[in-house]
C-alpha atoms as a PDB file:
ATOM      1  CA  MET A   1     -24.226  29.127   8.440  1.00  0.00           C
ATOM      2  CA  ARG A   2     -24.941  26.083  10.744  1.00  0.00           C
ATOM      3  CA  ARG A   3     -28.513  26.090   9.774  1.00  0.00           C
ATOM      4  CA  TRP A   4     -27.593  26.471   5.884  1.00  0.00           C
ATOM      5  CA  SER A   5     -25.151  23.649   6.082  1.00  0.00           C
ATOM      6  CA  ARG A   6     -27.612  21.260   7.543  1.00  0.00           C
ATOM      7  CA  ASP A   7     -29.949  22.027   5.144  1.00  0.00           C
ATOM      8  CA  ASN A   8     -27.622  21.333   2.293  1.00  0.00           C
ATOM      9  CA  LEU A   9     -26.382  18.314   3.779  1.00  0.00           C
ATOM     10  CA  TRP A  10     -30.311  17.191   4.095  1.00  0.00           C
ATOM     11  CA  LEU A  11     -30.807  18.151   0.470  1.00  0.00           C
ATOM     12  CA  SER A  12     -27.760  16.127  -0.653  1.00  0.00           C
ATOM     13  CA  ARG A  13     -28.899  13.006   1.530  1.00  0.00           C
ATOM     14  CA  ALA A  14     -25.550  13.131   2.936  1.00  0.00           C
ATOM     15  CA  ARG A  15     -25.277  11.667   6.410  1.00  0.00           C
ATOM     16  CA  VAL A  16     -22.965  12.404   9.098  1.00  0.00           C
ATOM     17  CA  ILE A  17     -21.340  10.204  11.692  1.00  0.00           C
ATOM     18  CA  ILE A  18     -19.174  12.172  13.981  1.00  0.00           C
ATOM     19  CA  GLU A  19     -16.942  11.019  17.048  1.00  0.00           C
ATOM     20  CA  GLY A  20     -14.766  12.842  19.430  1.00  0.00           C
ATOM     21  CA  ILE A  21     -16.844  15.657  20.172  1.00  0.00           C
ATOM     22  CA  GLU A  22     -15.655  15.460  23.621  1.00  0.00           C
ATOM     23  CA  ASN A  23     -12.313  16.463  22.425  1.00  0.00           C
ATOM     24  CA  ILE A  24     -13.407  20.155  21.944  1.00  0.00           C
ATOM     25  CA  ASP A  25     -12.973  22.486  24.786  1.00  0.00           C
ATOM     26  CA  SER A  26     -15.181  25.370  24.123  1.00  0.00           C
ATOM     27  CA  ARG A  27     -13.720  27.400  26.900  1.00  0.00           C
ATOM     28  CA  HIS A  28     -10.407  28.259  25.238  1.00  0.00           C
ATOM     29  CA  PRO A  29      -9.458  28.672  21.592  1.00  0.00           C
ATOM     30  CA  VAL A  30      -7.822  26.024  19.311  1.00  0.00           C
ATOM     31  CA  ILE A  31      -6.747  25.592  15.881  1.00  0.00           C
ATOM     32  CA  PHE A  32      -8.521  22.802  13.829  1.00  0.00           C
ATOM     33  CA  VAL A  33      -6.714  21.183  10.828  1.00  0.00           C
ATOM     34  CA  ALA A  34      -8.798  18.895   8.569  1.00  0.00           C
ATOM     35  CA  ASN A  35      -8.362  17.346   5.519  1.00  0.00           C
ATOM     36  CA  HIS A  36     -10.214  18.165   2.429  1.00  0.00           C
ATOM     37  CA  SER A  37     -11.497  15.872  -0.272  1.00  0.00           C
ATOM     38  CA  GLY A  38     -15.008  17.280  -0.977  1.00  0.00           C
ATOM     39  CA  LEU A  39     -17.381  20.362  -0.856  1.00  0.00           C
ATOM     40  CA  HIS A  40     -19.308  18.490   1.854  1.00  0.00           C
ATOM     41  CA  ASP A  41     -16.212  19.195   4.142  1.00  0.00           C
ATOM     42  CA  ILE A  42     -16.954  22.643   4.762  1.00  0.00           C
ATOM     43  CA  LEU A  43     -20.956  21.813   5.250  1.00  0.00           C
ATOM     44  CA  CYS A  44     -20.062  18.926   7.789  1.00  0.00           C
ATOM     45  CA  LEU A  45     -17.690  21.240   9.943  1.00  0.00           C
ATOM     46  CA  ALA A  46     -19.737  24.252   9.849  1.00  0.00           C
ATOM     47  CA  ALA A  47     -22.903  22.170  10.785  1.00  0.00           C
ATOM     48  CA  TYR A  48     -21.378  20.022  13.623  1.00  0.00           C
ATOM     49  CA  LEU A  49     -18.484  21.566  15.294  1.00  0.00           C
ATOM     50  CA  PRO A  50     -20.306  23.029  18.663  1.00  0.00           C
ATOM     51  CA  ILE A  51     -18.319  26.282  18.886  1.00  0.00           C
ATOM     52  CA  GLN A  52     -17.965  29.424  17.023  1.00  0.00           C
ATOM     53  CA  PHE A  53     -15.021  29.387  14.755  1.00  0.00           C
ATOM     54  CA  ARG A  54     -13.193  31.204  11.715  1.00  0.00           C
ATOM     55  CA  TRP A  55     -12.073  29.515   8.666  1.00  0.00           C
ATOM     56  CA  VAL A  56      -8.204  30.270   7.590  1.00  0.00           C
ATOM     57  CA  ALA A  57      -8.193  30.677   3.724  1.00  0.00           C
ATOM     58  CA  LYS A  58      -5.542  31.739   1.169  1.00  0.00           C
ATOM     59  CA  LYS A  59      -5.629  35.407   0.639  1.00  0.00           C
ATOM     60  CA  SER A  60      -6.199  35.025  -3.149  1.00  0.00           C
ATOM     61  CA  LEU A  61      -9.700  33.553  -2.392  1.00  0.00           C
ATOM     62  CA  PHE A  62     -10.763  37.268  -0.875  1.00  0.00           C
ATOM     63  CA  LYS A  63     -10.411  38.479  -4.518  1.00  0.00           C
ATOM     64  CA  VAL A  64     -13.084  36.403  -5.951  1.00  0.00           C
ATOM     65  CA  PRO A  65     -16.106  38.415  -6.612  1.00  0.00           C
ATOM     66  CA  PHE A  66     -18.914  38.350  -3.809  1.00  0.00           C
ATOM     67  CA  MET A  67     -17.349  35.129  -2.301  1.00  0.00           C
ATOM     68  CA  GLY A  68     -14.485  37.414  -1.066  1.00  0.00           C
ATOM     69  CA  TRP A  69     -16.840  39.976   0.156  1.00  0.00           C
ATOM     70  CA  HIS A  70     -18.429  37.571   2.281  1.00  0.00           C
ATOM     71  CA  MET A  71     -15.374  35.866   3.610  1.00  0.00           C
ATOM     72  CA  ARG A  72     -14.406  39.499   4.943  1.00  0.00           C
ATOM     73  CA  ARG A  73     -17.838  40.032   6.322  1.00  0.00           C
ATOM     74  CA  SER A  74     -17.560  36.740   8.075  1.00  0.00           C
ATOM     75  CA  GLY A  75     -14.179  37.289   9.586  1.00  0.00           C
ATOM     76  CA  TYR A  76     -12.211  34.636   7.685  1.00  0.00           C
ATOM     77  CA  ILE A  77      -8.647  34.636   8.079  1.00  0.00           C
ATOM     78  CA  PRO A  78      -6.166  35.392   5.287  1.00  0.00           C
ATOM     79  CA  ILE A  79      -2.937  33.621   4.760  1.00  0.00           C
ATOM     80  CA  ASP A  80      -0.620  34.867   2.110  1.00  0.00           C
ATOM     81  CA  ARG A  81       1.122  31.811   0.288  1.00  0.00           C
ATOM     82  CA  GLU A  82       2.497  33.383  -2.600  1.00  0.00           C
ATOM     83  CA  ASN A  83       4.734  36.126  -1.098  1.00  0.00           C
ATOM     84  CA  PRO A  84       7.154  34.923   2.058  1.00  0.00           C
ATOM     85  CA  ARG A  85       7.245  38.491   3.588  1.00  0.00           C
ATOM     86  CA  ASP A  86       3.417  38.922   3.418  1.00  0.00           C
ATOM     87  CA  ALA A  87       2.771  35.520   4.602  1.00  0.00           C
ATOM     88  CA  ALA A  88       4.787  36.159   7.739  1.00  0.00           C
ATOM     89  CA  LYS A  89       2.720  39.215   8.432  1.00  0.00           C
ATOM     90  CA  SER A  90      -0.575  37.514   7.627  1.00  0.00           C
ATOM     91  CA  ILE A  91       0.240  34.776  10.207  1.00  0.00           C
ATOM     92  CA  ILE A  92       1.121  37.493  12.594  1.00  0.00           C
ATOM     93  CA  ARG A  93      -2.193  39.097  12.512  1.00  0.00           C
ATOM     94  CA  ALA A  94      -3.922  35.821  12.357  1.00  0.00           C
ATOM     95  CA  ALA A  95      -2.091  34.835  15.547  1.00  0.00           C
ATOM     96  CA  ASN A  96      -3.167  38.086  17.272  1.00  0.00           C
ATOM     97  CA  GLU A  97      -6.892  37.166  16.616  1.00  0.00           C
ATOM     98  CA  ILE A  98      -6.659  33.707  17.923  1.00  0.00           C
ATOM     99  CA  ARG A  99      -4.664  34.657  20.931  1.00  0.00           C
ATOM    100  CA  ASN A 100      -7.829  37.040  21.561  1.00  0.00           C
ATOM    101  CA  GLY A 101     -10.165  33.899  21.995  1.00  0.00           C
ATOM    102  CA  ILE A 102     -11.038  32.950  18.475  1.00  0.00           C
ATOM    103  CA  SER A 103     -10.695  29.414  17.298  1.00  0.00           C
ATOM    104  CA  ALA A 104      -9.860  28.846  13.449  1.00  0.00           C
ATOM    105  CA  ILE A 105     -10.034  25.809  11.192  1.00  0.00           C
ATOM    106  CA  ALA A 106      -7.671  25.379   8.269  1.00  0.00           C
ATOM    107  CA  PHE A 107      -7.401  22.740   5.302  1.00  0.00           C
ATOM    108  CA  PRO A 108      -3.631  22.277   5.437  1.00  0.00           C
ATOM    109  CA  GLU A 109      -3.540  20.462   1.967  1.00  0.00           C
ATOM    110  CA  GLY A 110      -4.665  23.849   0.459  1.00  0.00           C
ATOM    111  CA  THR A 111      -7.118  22.429  -1.974  1.00  0.00           C
ATOM    112  CA  ARG A 112      -9.324  19.272  -2.295  1.00  0.00           C
ATOM    113  CA  SER A 113      -7.596  15.968  -2.912  1.00  0.00           C
ATOM    114  CA  ARG A 114     -10.655  14.725  -4.918  1.00  0.00           C
ATOM    115  CA  THR A 115      -9.634  11.031  -4.125  1.00  0.00           C
ATOM    116  CA  GLY A 116     -10.270  10.859  -0.396  1.00  0.00           C
ATOM    117  CA  ASP A 117      -6.431  10.305  -0.044  1.00  0.00           C
ATOM    118  CA  LEU A 118      -4.473  12.889   2.204  1.00  0.00           C
ATOM    119  CA  GLY A 119      -2.562  15.154   0.079  1.00  0.00           C
ATOM    120  CA  LYS A 120       0.595  17.037   1.012  1.00  0.00           C
ATOM    121  CA  PHE A 121       0.272  19.490   3.620  1.00  0.00           C
ATOM    122  CA  HIS A 122       1.245  23.382   3.495  1.00  0.00           C
ATOM    123  CA  SER A 123       3.123  24.698   6.462  1.00  0.00           C
ATOM    124  CA  GLY A 124       0.994  28.037   7.104  1.00  0.00           C
ATOM    125  CA  ALA A 125      -1.395  26.541   9.415  1.00  0.00           C
ATOM    126  CA  PHE A 126       1.356  24.763  11.657  1.00  0.00           C
ATOM    127  CA  ALA A 127       3.508  28.039  11.691  1.00  0.00           C
ATOM    128  CA  LEU A 128       0.337  29.781  12.817  1.00  0.00           C
ATOM    129  CA  ALA A 129      -0.243  27.153  15.513  1.00  0.00           C
ATOM    130  CA  LEU A 130       3.471  27.653  16.723  1.00  0.00           C
ATOM    131  CA  ARG A 131       3.050  31.054  17.096  1.00  0.00           C
ATOM    132  CA  THR A 132      -0.099  31.229  18.952  1.00  0.00           C
ATOM    133  CA  GLY A 133       0.777  28.344  21.307  1.00  0.00           C
ATOM    134  CA  VAL A 134      -2.904  27.325  21.544  1.00  0.00           C
ATOM    135  CA  PRO A 135      -3.827  23.430  21.180  1.00  0.00           C
ATOM    136  CA  LEU A 136      -4.102  21.996  17.694  1.00  0.00           C
ATOM    137  CA  VAL A 137      -6.815  19.560  16.954  1.00  0.00           C
ATOM    138  CA  PRO A 138      -6.735  17.258  14.094  1.00  0.00           C
ATOM    139  CA  ILE A 139     -10.109  16.367  12.189  1.00  0.00           C
ATOM    140  CA  SER A 140     -10.426  13.602   9.785  1.00  0.00           C
ATOM    141  CA  LEU A 141     -13.079  13.300   7.460  1.00  0.00           C
ATOM    142  CA  GLU A 142     -13.963  10.266   5.142  1.00  0.00           C
ATOM    143  CA  GLY A 143     -16.500   9.933   2.505  1.00  0.00           C
ATOM    144  CA  SER A 144     -17.162  13.605   1.366  1.00  0.00           C
ATOM    145  CA  TYR A 145     -15.646  13.136  -2.118  1.00  0.00           C
ATOM    146  CA  ARG A 146     -18.431  10.764  -3.006  1.00  0.00           C
ATOM    147  CA  VAL A 147     -21.200  12.899  -2.565  1.00  0.00           C
ATOM    148  CA  ILE A 148     -20.530  14.950  -5.714  1.00  0.00           C
ATOM    149  CA  LEU A 149     -17.798  12.927  -7.820  1.00  0.00           C
ATOM    150  CA  PRO A 150     -15.027  15.147  -9.429  1.00  0.00           C
ATOM    151  CA  LYS A 151     -15.781  16.853 -12.837  1.00  0.00           C
ATOM    152  CA  THR A 152     -19.570  15.993 -12.293  1.00  0.00           C
ATOM    153  CA  LEU A 153     -22.616  17.927 -10.879  1.00  0.00           C
ATOM    154  CA  ARG A 154     -24.464  14.803 -10.006  1.00  0.00           C
ATOM    155  CA  VAL A 155     -25.045  14.204  -6.331  1.00  0.00           C
ATOM    156  CA  ASN A 156     -25.062  10.847  -4.863  1.00  0.00           C
ATOM    157  CA  PRO A 157     -27.537  10.291  -2.287  1.00  0.00           C
ATOM    158  CA  GLY A 158     -27.252   8.063   0.828  1.00  0.00           C
ATOM    159  CA  VAL A 159     -23.197   8.744   1.312  1.00  0.00           C
ATOM    160  CA  ILE A 160     -22.221   8.642   5.024  1.00  0.00           C
ATOM    161  CA  ILE A 161     -19.574  10.939   5.882  1.00  0.00           C
ATOM    162  CA  ARG A 162     -17.575   9.792   8.907  1.00  0.00           C
ATOM    163  CA  ILE A 163     -15.597  12.248  10.941  1.00  0.00           C
ATOM    164  CA  ARG A 164     -13.117  11.839  13.873  1.00  0.00           C
ATOM    165  CA  ILE A 165     -11.979  14.615  16.077  1.00  0.00           C
ATOM    166  CA  GLY A 166      -8.751  13.882  17.450  1.00  0.00           C
ATOM    167  CA  LEU A 167      -7.139  14.780  20.965  1.00  0.00           C
ATOM    168  CA  PRO A 168      -5.656  18.142  21.046  1.00  0.00           C
ATOM    169  CA  ILE A 169      -2.073  18.340  20.443  1.00  0.00           C
ATOM    170  CA  ASP A 170      -0.018  20.195  23.271  1.00  0.00           C
ATOM    171  CA  LEU A 171       2.471  22.466  21.438  1.00  0.00           C
ATOM    172  CA  THR A 172       4.735  23.214  24.459  1.00  0.00           C
ATOM    173  CA  PRO A 173       7.184  20.198  23.270  1.00  0.00           C
ATOM    174  CA  TYR A 174       7.698  21.973  20.031  1.00  0.00           C
ATOM    175  CA  CYS A 175      10.114  24.990  19.247  1.00  0.00           C
ATOM    176  CA  LYS A 176       8.864  27.719  17.044  1.00  0.00           C
ATOM    177  CA  GLY A 177      10.945  26.520  14.215  1.00  0.00           C
ATOM    178  CA  GLU A 178       9.731  23.115  14.286  1.00  0.00           C
ATOM    179  CA  LYS A 179       6.762  23.614  11.910  1.00  0.00           C
ATOM    180  CA  HIS A 180       7.788  20.823   9.750  1.00  0.00           C
ATOM    181  CA  ARG A 181       8.117  18.449  12.790  1.00  0.00           C
ATOM    182  CA  LEU A 182       4.688  19.276  13.879  1.00  0.00           C
ATOM    183  CA  MET A 183       3.332  19.072  10.253  1.00  0.00           C
ATOM    184  CA  SER A 184       4.645  15.350   9.881  1.00  0.00           C
ATOM    185  CA  ASP A 185       3.285  14.255  13.521  1.00  0.00           C
ATOM    186  CA  VAL A 186      -0.329  15.652  12.485  1.00  0.00           C
ATOM    187  CA  PHE A 187       0.022  13.922   9.042  1.00  0.00           C
ATOM    188  CA  ARG A 188       0.679  10.571  10.748  1.00  0.00           C
ATOM    189  CA  ILE A 189      -2.272  11.143  12.994  1.00  0.00           C
ATOM    190  CA  MET A 190      -4.837  12.075  10.378  1.00  0.00           C
ATOM    191  CA  HIS A 191      -3.588   9.559   7.837  1.00  0.00           C
ATOM    192  CA  ARG A 192      -4.092   6.720  10.624  1.00  0.00           C
ATOM    193  CA  ASP A 193      -7.618   8.048  11.539  1.00  0.00           C
ATOM    194  CA  LEU A 194      -8.665   8.289   7.784  1.00  0.00           C
ATOM    195  CA  GLU A 195      -7.689   4.538   7.424  1.00  0.00           C
ATOM    196  CA  THR A 196      -9.611   3.755  10.690  1.00  0.00           C
ATOM    197  CA  LEU A 197     -12.625   5.577   9.112  1.00  0.00           C
ATOM    198  CA  ARG A 198     -12.433   3.606   5.821  1.00  0.00           C
ATOM    199  CA  LEU A 199     -12.704   0.391   7.714  1.00  0.00           C
ATOM    200  CA  LYS A 200     -16.048   1.345   9.183  1.00  0.00           C
ATOM    201  CA  ARG A 201     -17.614   1.806   5.818  1.00  0.00           C
ATOM    202  CA  GLN A 202     -20.103  -0.920   5.086  1.00  0.00           C
ATOM    203  CA  GLN A 203     -21.093  -2.443   1.583  1.00  0.00           C
ATOM    204  CA  GLY A 204     -24.291  -1.025   0.469  1.00  0.00           C
ATOM    205  CA  GLU A 205     -24.771   1.409   3.143  1.00  0.00           C
ATOM    206  CA  GLU A 206     -26.229   4.090   0.797  1.00  0.00           C
ATOM    207  CA  SER A 207     -29.372   1.936   0.552  1.00  0.00           C
ATOM    208  CA  GLY A 208     -30.052   3.312   4.164  1.00  0.00           C
ATOM    209  CA  ASP A 209     -31.284   6.499   2.537  1.00  0.00           C
ATOM    210  CA  ALA A 210     -34.874   6.495   1.066  1.00  0.00           C
ATOM    211  CA  VAL A 211     -33.887   8.752  -1.695  1.00  0.00           C
ATOM    212  CA  TYR A 212     -31.168   6.285  -2.879  1.00  0.00           C
ATOM    213  CA  ARG A 213     -33.765   3.253  -2.805  1.00  0.00           C
ATOM    214  CA  TRP A 214     -36.195   5.413  -4.868  1.00  0.00           C
ATOM    215  CA  ILE A 215     -33.454   6.204  -7.486  1.00  0.00           C
ATOM    216  CA  HIS A 216     -31.910   2.737  -7.714  1.00  0.00           C
ATOM    217  CA  GLY A 217     -35.110   0.673  -6.760  1.00  0.00           C
ATOM    218  CA  ARG A 218     -33.485  -1.289  -4.240  1.00  0.00           C
ATOM    219  CA  SER A 219     -34.685  -2.270  -0.750  1.00  0.00           C
ATOM    220  CA  ARG A 220     -32.745  -1.598   2.462  1.00  0.00           C
ATOM    221  CA  PRO A 221     -30.510  -4.608   2.995  1.00  0.00           C
ATOM    222  CA  HIS A 222     -30.900  -5.832   6.507  1.00  0.00           C
ATOM    223  CA  GLY A 223     -28.236  -4.276   9.078  1.00  0.00           C
ATOM    224  CA  SER A 224     -27.699  -1.210   6.809  1.00  0.00           C
ATOM    225  CA  ILE A 225     -27.761   2.184   8.706  1.00  0.00           C
ATOM    226  CA  PRO A 226     -31.016   4.247   8.499  1.00  0.00           C
ATOM    227  CA  ALA A 227     -30.969   7.858   7.353  1.00  0.00           C
ATOM    228  CA  GLU A 228     -31.117  10.570   9.910  1.00  0.00           C
END
């Protein structure tokens, strides 16, 4: 999946700048939570996170033909959001897998925001984190939604996707019933990091990509970021 993701990023001419890799401890399991604004979020995380991990996904996706089969074969962790009783059971099963040494990653918004803004969080990933007790690591991605604009299939070459991996959050100060407090704290961290990443975007930076320049007939402006 890592190779496939890197190839698709290259085909899309999306460039990735990632910071905070040193905040990942590959020796112990963690739960990552990331914002979701475009299809390329998945490609970026699969391509650049330097550890083995499993995706946390809503249970209904496992019923989709072929995709559901692939998700089960790949060890995705299902969370039932429709039935509270089944949701509790699925969180218990997922917690046991994570305690056994498997890191996991979830999109707490539940769906793509499509605007780059941080959407409302669902609580499942935070209940899972509190049940396992393993550190929770926030990841903020900025720019993915501009690669393929909503309601179109047109790829915009040269987009820079910036990623910030935050410091692991120690969950010992939180009680098991404080998922909403944890959720609010993580939302504030990710909202702050997204604003920081947006400020790093430079006007005309897409023209650092050769395909963008070929399509738009522009030379690269002085000081733009070259393609990888």
